[in-house]
Amino acid sequence: MVVTASSYDRALADVKARVHNSRTSFHAGMAVLPKARREAMYALYAFCREVDDIADDSVTPEEAARGLAMWRTRIHDVFQGK
């Protein structure tokens, strides 16, 4: 997958929206970081929220397992250069 400026901008906008919509103090706390670090922390936080929501909000344990397995595969693929 090639990351273009526009795909990065869309992903960053999604990450920022997830952080803002979480209504936690995390958003305000990260605002003091330099831009690059702040964006990286927002992305990490959004990922953690996504995985946590899968674990906490899935209707069945099987649904949670499928969602978490999907993320394991995606992370593995990133480290394989996919």
PDB file of N, CA and C in Angstrom:
ATOM      1  N   MET A   1       0.837  -1.178   0.000  1.00  0.00           N
ATOM      2  CA  MET A   1       0.000   0.000   0.000  1.00  0.00           C
ATOM      3  C   MET A   1       0.879   1.237   0.000  1.00  0.00           C
ATOM      4  N   VAL A   2       0.613   2.124  -0.907  1.00  0.00           N
ATOM      5  CA  VAL A   2       1.346   3.379  -0.981  1.00  0.00           C
ATOM      6  C   VAL A   2       0.571   4.431  -0.200  1.00  0.00           C
ATOM      7  N   VAL A   3       1.266   5.088   0.700  1.00  0.00           N
ATOM      8  CA  VAL A   3       0.630   6.146   1.481  1.00  0.00           C
ATOM      9  C   VAL A   3       0.878   7.463   0.772  1.00  0.00           C
ATOM     10  N   THR A   4      -0.200   8.098   0.369  1.00  0.00           N
ATOM     11  CA  THR A   4      -0.090   9.399  -0.278  1.00  0.00           C
ATOM     12  C   THR A   4      -0.406  10.476   0.744  1.00  0.00           C
ATOM     13  N   ALA A   5      -0.098  11.703   0.380  1.00  0.00           N
ATOM     14  CA  ALA A   5      -0.395  12.816   1.281  1.00  0.00           C
ATOM     15  C   ALA A   5      -1.879  12.867   1.603  1.00  0.00           C
ATOM     16  N   SER A   6      -2.718  12.633   0.593  1.00  0.00           N
ATOM     17  CA  SER A   6      -4.154  12.714   0.846  1.00  0.00           C
ATOM     18  C   SER A   6      -4.642  11.551   1.708  1.00  0.00           C
ATOM     19  N   SER A   7      -4.088  10.334   1.527  1.00  0.00           N
ATOM     20  CA  SER A   7      -4.517   9.217   2.371  1.00  0.00           C
ATOM     21  C   SER A   7      -4.029   9.422   3.802  1.00  0.00           C
ATOM     22  N   TYR A   8      -2.838   9.985   3.954  1.00  0.00           N
ATOM     23  CA  TYR A   8      -2.331  10.299   5.294  1.00  0.00           C
ATOM     24  C   TYR A   8      -3.221  11.349   5.955  1.00  0.00           C
ATOM     25  N   ASP A   9      -3.576  12.384   5.211  1.00  0.00           N
ATOM     26  CA  ASP A   9      -4.429  13.439   5.755  1.00  0.00           C
ATOM     27  C   ASP A   9      -5.791  12.894   6.177  1.00  0.00           C
ATOM     28  N   ARG A  10      -6.358  11.996   5.367  1.00  0.00           N
ATOM     29  CA  ARG A  10      -7.649  11.383   5.733  1.00  0.00           C
ATOM     30  C   ARG A  10      -7.515  10.531   6.986  1.00  0.00           C
ATOM     31  N   ALA A  11      -6.450   9.748   7.052  1.00  0.00           N
ATOM     32  CA  ALA A  11      -6.222   8.900   8.227  1.00  0.00           C
ATOM     33  C   ALA A  11      -6.005   9.757   9.469  1.00  0.00           C
ATOM     34  N   LEU A  12      -5.241  10.822   9.329  1.00  0.00           N
ATOM     35  CA  LEU A  12      -4.993  11.710  10.458  1.00  0.00           C
ATOM     36  C   LEU A  12      -6.280  12.388  10.917  1.00  0.00           C
ATOM     37  N   ALA A  13      -7.116  12.796   9.981  1.00  0.00           N
ATOM     38  CA  ALA A  13      -8.395  13.410  10.343  1.00  0.00           C
ATOM     39  C   ALA A  13      -9.259  12.415  11.108  1.00  0.00           C
ATOM     40  N   ASP A  14      -9.259  11.155  10.699  1.00  0.00           N
ATOM     41  CA  ASP A  14     -10.020  10.120  11.399  1.00  0.00           C
ATOM     42  C   ASP A  14      -9.474   9.921  12.807  1.00  0.00           C
ATOM     43  N   VAL A  15      -8.159   9.860  12.927  1.00  0.00           N
ATOM     44  CA  VAL A  15      -7.528   9.682  14.230  1.00  0.00           C
ATOM     45  C   VAL A  15      -7.875  10.847  15.155  1.00  0.00           C
ATOM     46  N   LYS A  16      -7.758  12.064  14.646  1.00  0.00           N
ATOM     47  CA  LYS A  16      -8.076  13.235  15.468  1.00  0.00           C
ATOM     48  C   LYS A  16      -9.533  13.220  15.912  1.00  0.00           C
ATOM     49  N   ALA A  17     -10.418  12.817  15.030  1.00  0.00           N
ATOM     50  CA  ALA A  17     -11.838  12.757  15.387  1.00  0.00           C
ATOM     51  C   ALA A  17     -12.066  11.714  16.474  1.00  0.00           C
ATOM     52  N   ARG A  18     -11.406  10.564  16.365  1.00  0.00           N
ATOM     53  CA  ARG A  18     -11.559   9.520  17.387  1.00  0.00           C
ATOM     54  C   ARG A  18     -11.062  10.010  18.745  1.00  0.00           C
ATOM     55  N   VAL A  19      -9.934  10.687  18.752  1.00  0.00           N
ATOM     56  CA  VAL A  19      -9.393  11.199  20.015  1.00  0.00           C
ATOM     57  C   VAL A  19     -10.324  12.262  20.588  1.00  0.00           C
ATOM     58  N   HIS A  20     -10.749  13.191  19.757  1.00  0.00           N
ATOM     59  CA  HIS A  20     -11.635  14.259  20.216  1.00  0.00           C
ATOM     60  C   HIS A  20     -12.957  13.692  20.735  1.00  0.00           C
ATOM     61  N   ASN A  21     -13.519  12.737  20.020  1.00  0.00           N
ATOM     62  CA  ASN A  21     -14.812  12.169  20.397  1.00  0.00           C
ATOM     63  C   ASN A  21     -14.744  11.271  21.630  1.00  0.00           C
ATOM     64  N   SER A  22     -13.555  10.889  22.043  1.00  0.00           N
ATOM     65  CA  SER A  22     -13.429  10.033  23.219  1.00  0.00           C
ATOM     66  C   SER A  22     -13.758  10.795  24.503  1.00  0.00           C
ATOM     67  N   ARG A  23     -13.702  12.119  24.422  1.00  0.00           N
ATOM     68  CA  ARG A  23     -14.050  12.978  25.560  1.00  0.00           C
ATOM     69  C   ARG A  23     -13.214  12.677  26.812  1.00  0.00           C
ATOM     70  N   THR A  24     -11.935  12.372  26.598  1.00  0.00           N
ATOM     71  CA  THR A  24     -11.052  12.152  27.735  1.00  0.00           C
ATOM     72  C   THR A  24     -10.083  13.319  27.841  1.00  0.00           C
ATOM     73  N   SER A  25      -9.342  13.350  28.916  1.00  0.00           N
ATOM     74  CA  SER A  25      -8.335  14.405  29.096  1.00  0.00           C
ATOM     75  C   SER A  25      -7.111  14.166  28.217  1.00  0.00           C
ATOM     76  N   PHE A  26      -7.039  13.001  27.594  1.00  0.00           N
ATOM     77  CA  PHE A  26      -5.903  12.672  26.740  1.00  0.00           C
ATOM     78  C   PHE A  26      -5.714  13.727  25.659  1.00  0.00           C
ATOM     79  N   HIS A  27      -6.793  14.137  25.020  1.00  0.00           N
ATOM     80  CA  HIS A  27      -6.731  15.107  23.927  1.00  0.00           C
ATOM     81  C   HIS A  27      -6.039  16.385  24.377  1.00  0.00           C
ATOM     82  N   ALA A  28      -6.456  16.920  25.496  1.00  0.00           N
ATOM     83  CA  ALA A  28      -5.865  18.168  25.997  1.00  0.00           C
ATOM     84  C   ALA A  28      -4.411  17.960  26.404  1.00  0.00           C
ATOM     85  N   GLY A  29      -4.115  16.846  27.022  1.00  0.00           N
ATOM     86  CA  GLY A  29      -2.755  16.578  27.460  1.00  0.00           C
ATOM     87  C   GLY A  29      -1.768  16.461  26.320  1.00  0.00           C
ATOM     88  N   MET A  30      -2.203  15.913  25.220  1.00  0.00           N
ATOM     89  CA  MET A  30      -1.310  15.737  24.074  1.00  0.00           C
ATOM     90  C   MET A  30      -1.125  17.030  23.279  1.00  0.00           C
ATOM     91  N   ALA A  31      -1.972  17.987  23.498  1.00  0.00           N
ATOM     92  CA  ALA A  31      -1.915  19.243  22.740  1.00  0.00           C
ATOM     93  C   ALA A  31      -0.604  19.991  22.953  1.00  0.00           C
ATOM     94  N   VAL A  32       0.092  19.728  24.047  1.00  0.00           N
ATOM     95  CA  VAL A  32       1.332  20.454  24.332  1.00  0.00           C
ATOM     96  C   VAL A  32       2.539  19.853  23.610  1.00  0.00           C
ATOM     97  N   LEU A  33       2.384  18.685  23.034  1.00  0.00           N
ATOM     98  CA  LEU A  33       3.500  18.043  22.331  1.00  0.00           C
ATOM     99  C   LEU A  33       3.768  18.711  20.986  1.00  0.00           C
ATOM    100  N   PRO A  34       4.998  18.592  20.492  1.00  0.00           N
ATOM    101  CA  PRO A  34       5.271  19.047  19.117  1.00  0.00           C
ATOM    102  C   PRO A  34       4.372  18.279  18.145  1.00  0.00           C
ATOM    103  N   LYS A  35       4.061  18.884  17.018  1.00  0.00           N
ATOM    104  CA  LYS A  35       3.077  18.345  16.074  1.00  0.00           C
ATOM    105  C   LYS A  35       3.322  16.880  15.711  1.00  0.00           C
ATOM    106  N   ALA A  36       4.523  16.527  15.321  1.00  0.00           N
ATOM    107  CA  ALA A  36       4.797  15.150  14.881  1.00  0.00           C
ATOM    108  C   ALA A  36       4.560  14.150  16.021  1.00  0.00           C
ATOM    109  N   ARG A  37       5.004  14.475  17.198  1.00  0.00           N
ATOM    110  CA  ARG A  37       4.789  13.575  18.344  1.00  0.00           C
ATOM    111  C   ARG A  37       3.319  13.510  18.722  1.00  0.00           C
ATOM    112  N   ARG A  38       2.658  14.656  18.690  1.00  0.00           N
ATOM    113  CA  ARG A  38       1.228  14.705  19.009  1.00  0.00           C
ATOM    114  C   ARG A  38       0.442  13.811  18.052  1.00  0.00           C
ATOM    115  N   GLU A  39       0.719  13.917  16.755  1.00  0.00           N
ATOM    116  CA  GLU A  39       0.015  13.098  15.770  1.00  0.00           C
ATOM    117  C   GLU A  39       0.301  11.617  15.976  1.00  0.00           C
ATOM    118  N   ALA A  40       1.534  11.285  16.312  1.00  0.00           N
ATOM    119  CA  ALA A  40       1.881   9.885  16.575  1.00  0.00           C
ATOM    120  C   ALA A  40       1.146   9.371  17.807  1.00  0.00           C
ATOM    121  N   MET A  41       1.078  10.171  18.850  1.00  0.00           N
ATOM    122  CA  MET A  41       0.366   9.762  20.064  1.00  0.00           C
ATOM    123  C   MET A  41      -1.131   9.638  19.807  1.00  0.00           C
ATOM    124  N   TYR A  42      -1.682  10.542  19.009  1.00  0.00           N
ATOM    125  CA  TYR A  42      -3.098  10.432  18.649  1.00  0.00           C
ATOM    126  C   TYR A  42      -3.361   9.117  17.915  1.00  0.00           C
ATOM    127  N   ALA A  43      -2.470   8.773  16.994  1.00  0.00           N
ATOM    128  CA  ALA A  43      -2.647   7.525  16.239  1.00  0.00           C
ATOM    129  C   ALA A  43      -2.561   6.318  17.168  1.00  0.00           C
ATOM    130  N   LEU A  44      -1.605   6.321  18.067  1.00  0.00           N
ATOM    131  CA  LEU A  44      -1.474   5.217  19.009  1.00  0.00           C
ATOM    132  C   LEU A  44      -2.710   5.130  19.906  1.00  0.00           C
ATOM    133  N   TYR A  45      -3.185   6.251  20.381  1.00  0.00           N
ATOM    134  CA  TYR A  45      -4.372   6.272  21.225  1.00  0.00           C
ATOM    135  C   TYR A  45      -5.595   5.747  20.466  1.00  0.00           C
ATOM    136  N   ALA A  46      -5.760   6.194  19.220  1.00  0.00           N
ATOM    137  CA  ALA A  46      -6.907   5.743  18.419  1.00  0.00           C
ATOM    138  C   ALA A  46      -6.853   4.239  18.208  1.00  0.00           C
ATOM    139  N   PHE A  47      -5.666   3.707  17.948  1.00  0.00           N
ATOM    140  CA  PHE A  47      -5.512   2.261  17.800  1.00  0.00           C
ATOM    141  C   PHE A  47      -5.915   1.550  19.089  1.00  0.00           C
ATOM    142  N   CYS A  48      -5.408   2.028  20.214  1.00  0.00           N
ATOM    143  CA  CYS A  48      -5.730   1.392  21.498  1.00  0.00           C
ATOM    144  C   CYS A  48      -7.226   1.451  21.785  1.00  0.00           C
ATOM    145  N   ARG A  49      -7.860   2.569  21.461  1.00  0.00           N
ATOM    146  CA  ARG A  49      -9.311   2.672  21.647  1.00  0.00           C
ATOM    147  C   ARG A  49     -10.038   1.662  20.774  1.00  0.00           C
ATOM    148  N   GLU A  50      -9.606   1.541  19.535  1.00  0.00           N
ATOM    149  CA  GLU A  50     -10.239   0.610  18.600  1.00  0.00           C
ATOM    150  C   GLU A  50     -10.166  -0.820  19.136  1.00  0.00           C
ATOM    151  N   VAL A  51      -8.986  -1.231  19.549  1.00  0.00           N
ATOM    152  CA  VAL A  51      -8.804  -2.587  20.055  1.00  0.00           C
ATOM    153  C   VAL A  51      -9.574  -2.784  21.364  1.00  0.00           C
ATOM    154  N   ASP A  52      -9.539  -1.786  22.226  1.00  0.00           N
ATOM    155  CA  ASP A  52     -10.271  -1.876  23.485  1.00  0.00           C
ATOM    156  C   ASP A  52     -11.776  -1.991  23.241  1.00  0.00           C
ATOM    157  N   ASP A  53     -12.272  -1.219  22.288  1.00  0.00           N
ATOM    158  CA  ASP A  53     -13.702  -1.292  21.962  1.00  0.00           C
ATOM    159  C   ASP A  53     -14.086  -2.669  21.422  1.00  0.00           C
ATOM    160  N   ILE A  54     -13.209  -3.265  20.622  1.00  0.00           N
ATOM    161  CA  ILE A  54     -13.481  -4.621  20.130  1.00  0.00           C
ATOM    162  C   ILE A  54     -13.574  -5.585  21.302  1.00  0.00           C
ATOM    163  N   ALA A  55     -12.627  -5.485  22.207  1.00  0.00           N
ATOM    164  CA  ALA A  55     -12.608  -6.399  23.348  1.00  0.00           C
ATOM    165  C   ALA A  55     -13.803  -6.173  24.269  1.00  0.00           C
ATOM    166  N   ASP A  56     -14.157  -4.908  24.496  1.00  0.00           N
ATOM    167  CA  ASP A  56     -15.217  -4.593  25.464  1.00  0.00           C
ATOM    168  C   ASP A  56     -16.623  -4.633  24.886  1.00  0.00           C
ATOM    169  N   ASP A  57     -16.781  -4.278  23.626  1.00  0.00           N
ATOM    170  CA  ASP A  57     -18.119  -4.056  23.079  1.00  0.00           C
ATOM    171  C   ASP A  57     -18.620  -5.146  22.136  1.00  0.00           C
ATOM    172  N   SER A  58     -17.802  -6.137  21.862  1.00  0.00           N
ATOM    173  CA  SER A  58     -18.255  -7.213  20.982  1.00  0.00           C
ATOM    174  C   SER A  58     -19.385  -7.984  21.658  1.00  0.00           C
ATOM    175  N   VAL A  59     -20.357  -8.393  20.840  1.00  0.00           N
ATOM    176  CA  VAL A  59     -21.534  -9.080  21.360  1.00  0.00           C
ATOM    177  C   VAL A  59     -21.170 -10.461  21.907  1.00  0.00           C
ATOM    178  N   THR A  60     -20.267 -11.130  21.229  1.00  0.00           N
ATOM    179  CA  THR A  60     -19.870 -12.476  21.656  1.00  0.00           C
ATOM    180  C   THR A  60     -18.347 -12.564  21.751  1.00  0.00           C
ATOM    181  N   PRO A  61     -17.856 -13.519  22.508  1.00  0.00           N
ATOM    182  CA  PRO A  61     -16.407 -13.726  22.548  1.00  0.00           C
ATOM    183  C   PRO A  61     -15.836 -14.063  21.164  1.00  0.00           C
ATOM    184  N   GLU A  62     -16.618 -14.744  20.357  1.00  0.00           N
ATOM    185  CA  GLU A  62     -16.160 -15.096  18.998  1.00  0.00           C
ATOM    186  C   GLU A  62     -15.992 -13.846  18.146  1.00  0.00           C
ATOM    187  N   GLU A  63     -16.930 -12.905  18.275  1.00  0.00           N
ATOM    188  CA  GLU A  63     -16.826 -11.653  17.530  1.00  0.00           C
ATOM    189  C   GLU A  63     -15.581 -10.882  17.973  1.00  0.00           C
ATOM    190  N   ALA A  64     -15.328 -10.837  19.265  1.00  0.00           N
ATOM    191  CA  ALA A  64     -14.131 -10.172  19.783  1.00  0.00           C
ATOM    192  C   ALA A  64     -12.874 -10.845  19.239  1.00  0.00           C
ATOM    193  N   ALA A  65     -12.860 -12.162  19.255  1.00  0.00           N
ATOM    194  CA  ALA A  65     -11.695 -12.900  18.761  1.00  0.00           C
ATOM    195  C   ALA A  65     -11.437 -12.607  17.288  1.00  0.00           C
ATOM    196  N   ARG A  66     -12.518 -12.535  16.487  1.00  0.00           N
ATOM    197  CA  ARG A  66     -12.356 -12.214  15.055  1.00  0.00           C
ATOM    198  C   ARG A  66     -11.793 -10.806  14.871  1.00  0.00           C
ATOM    199  N   GLY A  67     -12.333  -9.851  15.608  1.00  0.00           N
ATOM    200  CA  GLY A  67     -11.857  -8.472  15.488  1.00  0.00           C
ATOM    201  C   GLY A  67     -10.406  -8.329  15.900  1.00  0.00           C
ATOM    202  N   LEU A  68     -10.026  -8.967  16.998  1.00  0.00           N
ATOM    203  CA  LEU A  68      -8.640  -8.890  17.457  1.00  0.00           C
ATOM    204  C   LEU A  68      -7.702  -9.632  16.517  1.00  0.00           C
ATOM    205  N   ALA A  69      -8.164 -10.748  15.957  1.00  0.00           N
ATOM    206  CA  ALA A  69      -7.349 -11.487  14.985  1.00  0.00           C
ATOM    207  C   ALA A  69      -7.110 -10.644  13.738  1.00  0.00           C
ATOM    208  N   MET A  70      -8.128  -9.901  13.316  1.00  0.00           N
ATOM    209  CA  MET A  70      -7.964  -9.013  12.158  1.00  0.00           C
ATOM    210  C   MET A  70      -6.855  -7.996  12.425  1.00  0.00           C
ATOM    211  N   TRP A  71      -6.839  -7.426  13.631  1.00  0.00           N
ATOM    212  CA  TRP A  71      -5.798  -6.450  13.961  1.00  0.00           C
ATOM    213  C   TRP A  71      -4.430  -7.110  14.056  1.00  0.00           C
ATOM    214  N   ARG A  72      -4.361  -8.312  14.595  1.00  0.00           N
ATOM    215  CA  ARG A  72      -3.069  -9.018  14.636  1.00  0.00           C
ATOM    216  C   ARG A  72      -2.519  -9.193  13.226  1.00  0.00           C
ATOM    217  N   THR A  73      -3.392  -9.582  12.311  1.00  0.00           N
ATOM    218  CA  THR A  73      -2.987  -9.774  10.920  1.00  0.00           C
ATOM    219  C   THR A  73      -2.526  -8.457  10.315  1.00  0.00           C
ATOM    220  N   ARG A  74      -3.271  -7.390  10.534  1.00  0.00           N
ATOM    221  CA  ARG A  74      -2.896  -6.089   9.976  1.00  0.00           C
ATOM    222  C   ARG A  74      -1.551  -5.607  10.515  1.00  0.00           C
ATOM    223  N   ILE A  75      -1.333  -5.793  11.810  1.00  0.00           N
ATOM    224  CA  ILE A  75      -0.042  -5.380  12.406  1.00  0.00           C
ATOM    225  C   ILE A  75       1.082  -6.235  11.844  1.00  0.00           C
ATOM    226  N   HIS A  76       0.852  -7.515  11.744  1.00  0.00           N
ATOM    227  CA  HIS A  76       1.865  -8.410  11.161  1.00  0.00           C
ATOM    228  C   HIS A  76       2.205  -7.962   9.741  1.00  0.00           C
ATOM    229  N   ASP A  77       1.176  -7.646   8.964  1.00  0.00           N
ATOM    230  CA  ASP A  77       1.391  -7.217   7.578  1.00  0.00           C
ATOM    231  C   ASP A  77       2.214  -5.932   7.508  1.00  0.00           C
ATOM    232  N   VAL A  78       1.977  -5.016   8.414  1.00  0.00           N
ATOM    233  CA  VAL A  78       2.762  -3.767   8.432  1.00  0.00           C
ATOM    234  C   VAL A  78       4.245  -4.087   8.605  1.00  0.00           C
ATOM    235  N   PHE A  79       4.549  -4.991   9.538  1.00  0.00           N
ATOM    236  CA  PHE A  79       5.949  -5.330   9.779  1.00  0.00           C
ATOM    237  C   PHE A  79       6.538  -6.196   8.680  1.00  0.00           C
ATOM    238  N   GLN A  80       5.694  -6.712   7.802  1.00  0.00           N
ATOM    239  CA  GLN A  80       6.170  -7.450   6.632  1.00  0.00           C
ATOM    240  C   GLN A  80       6.261  -6.541   5.411  1.00  0.00           C
ATOM    241  N   GLY A  81       5.957  -5.260   5.577  1.00  0.00           N
ATOM    242  CA  GLY A  81       6.060  -4.305   4.476  1.00  0.00           C
ATOM    243  C   GLY A  81       4.846  -4.271   3.584  1.00  0.00           C
ATOM    244  N   LYS A  82       3.731  -4.818   4.028  1.00  0.00           N
ATOM    245  CA  LYS A  82       2.512  -4.834   3.216  1.00  0.00           C
ATOM    246  C   LYS A  82       1.658  -3.632   3.524  1.00  0.00           C
TER     247      LYS A  82
END
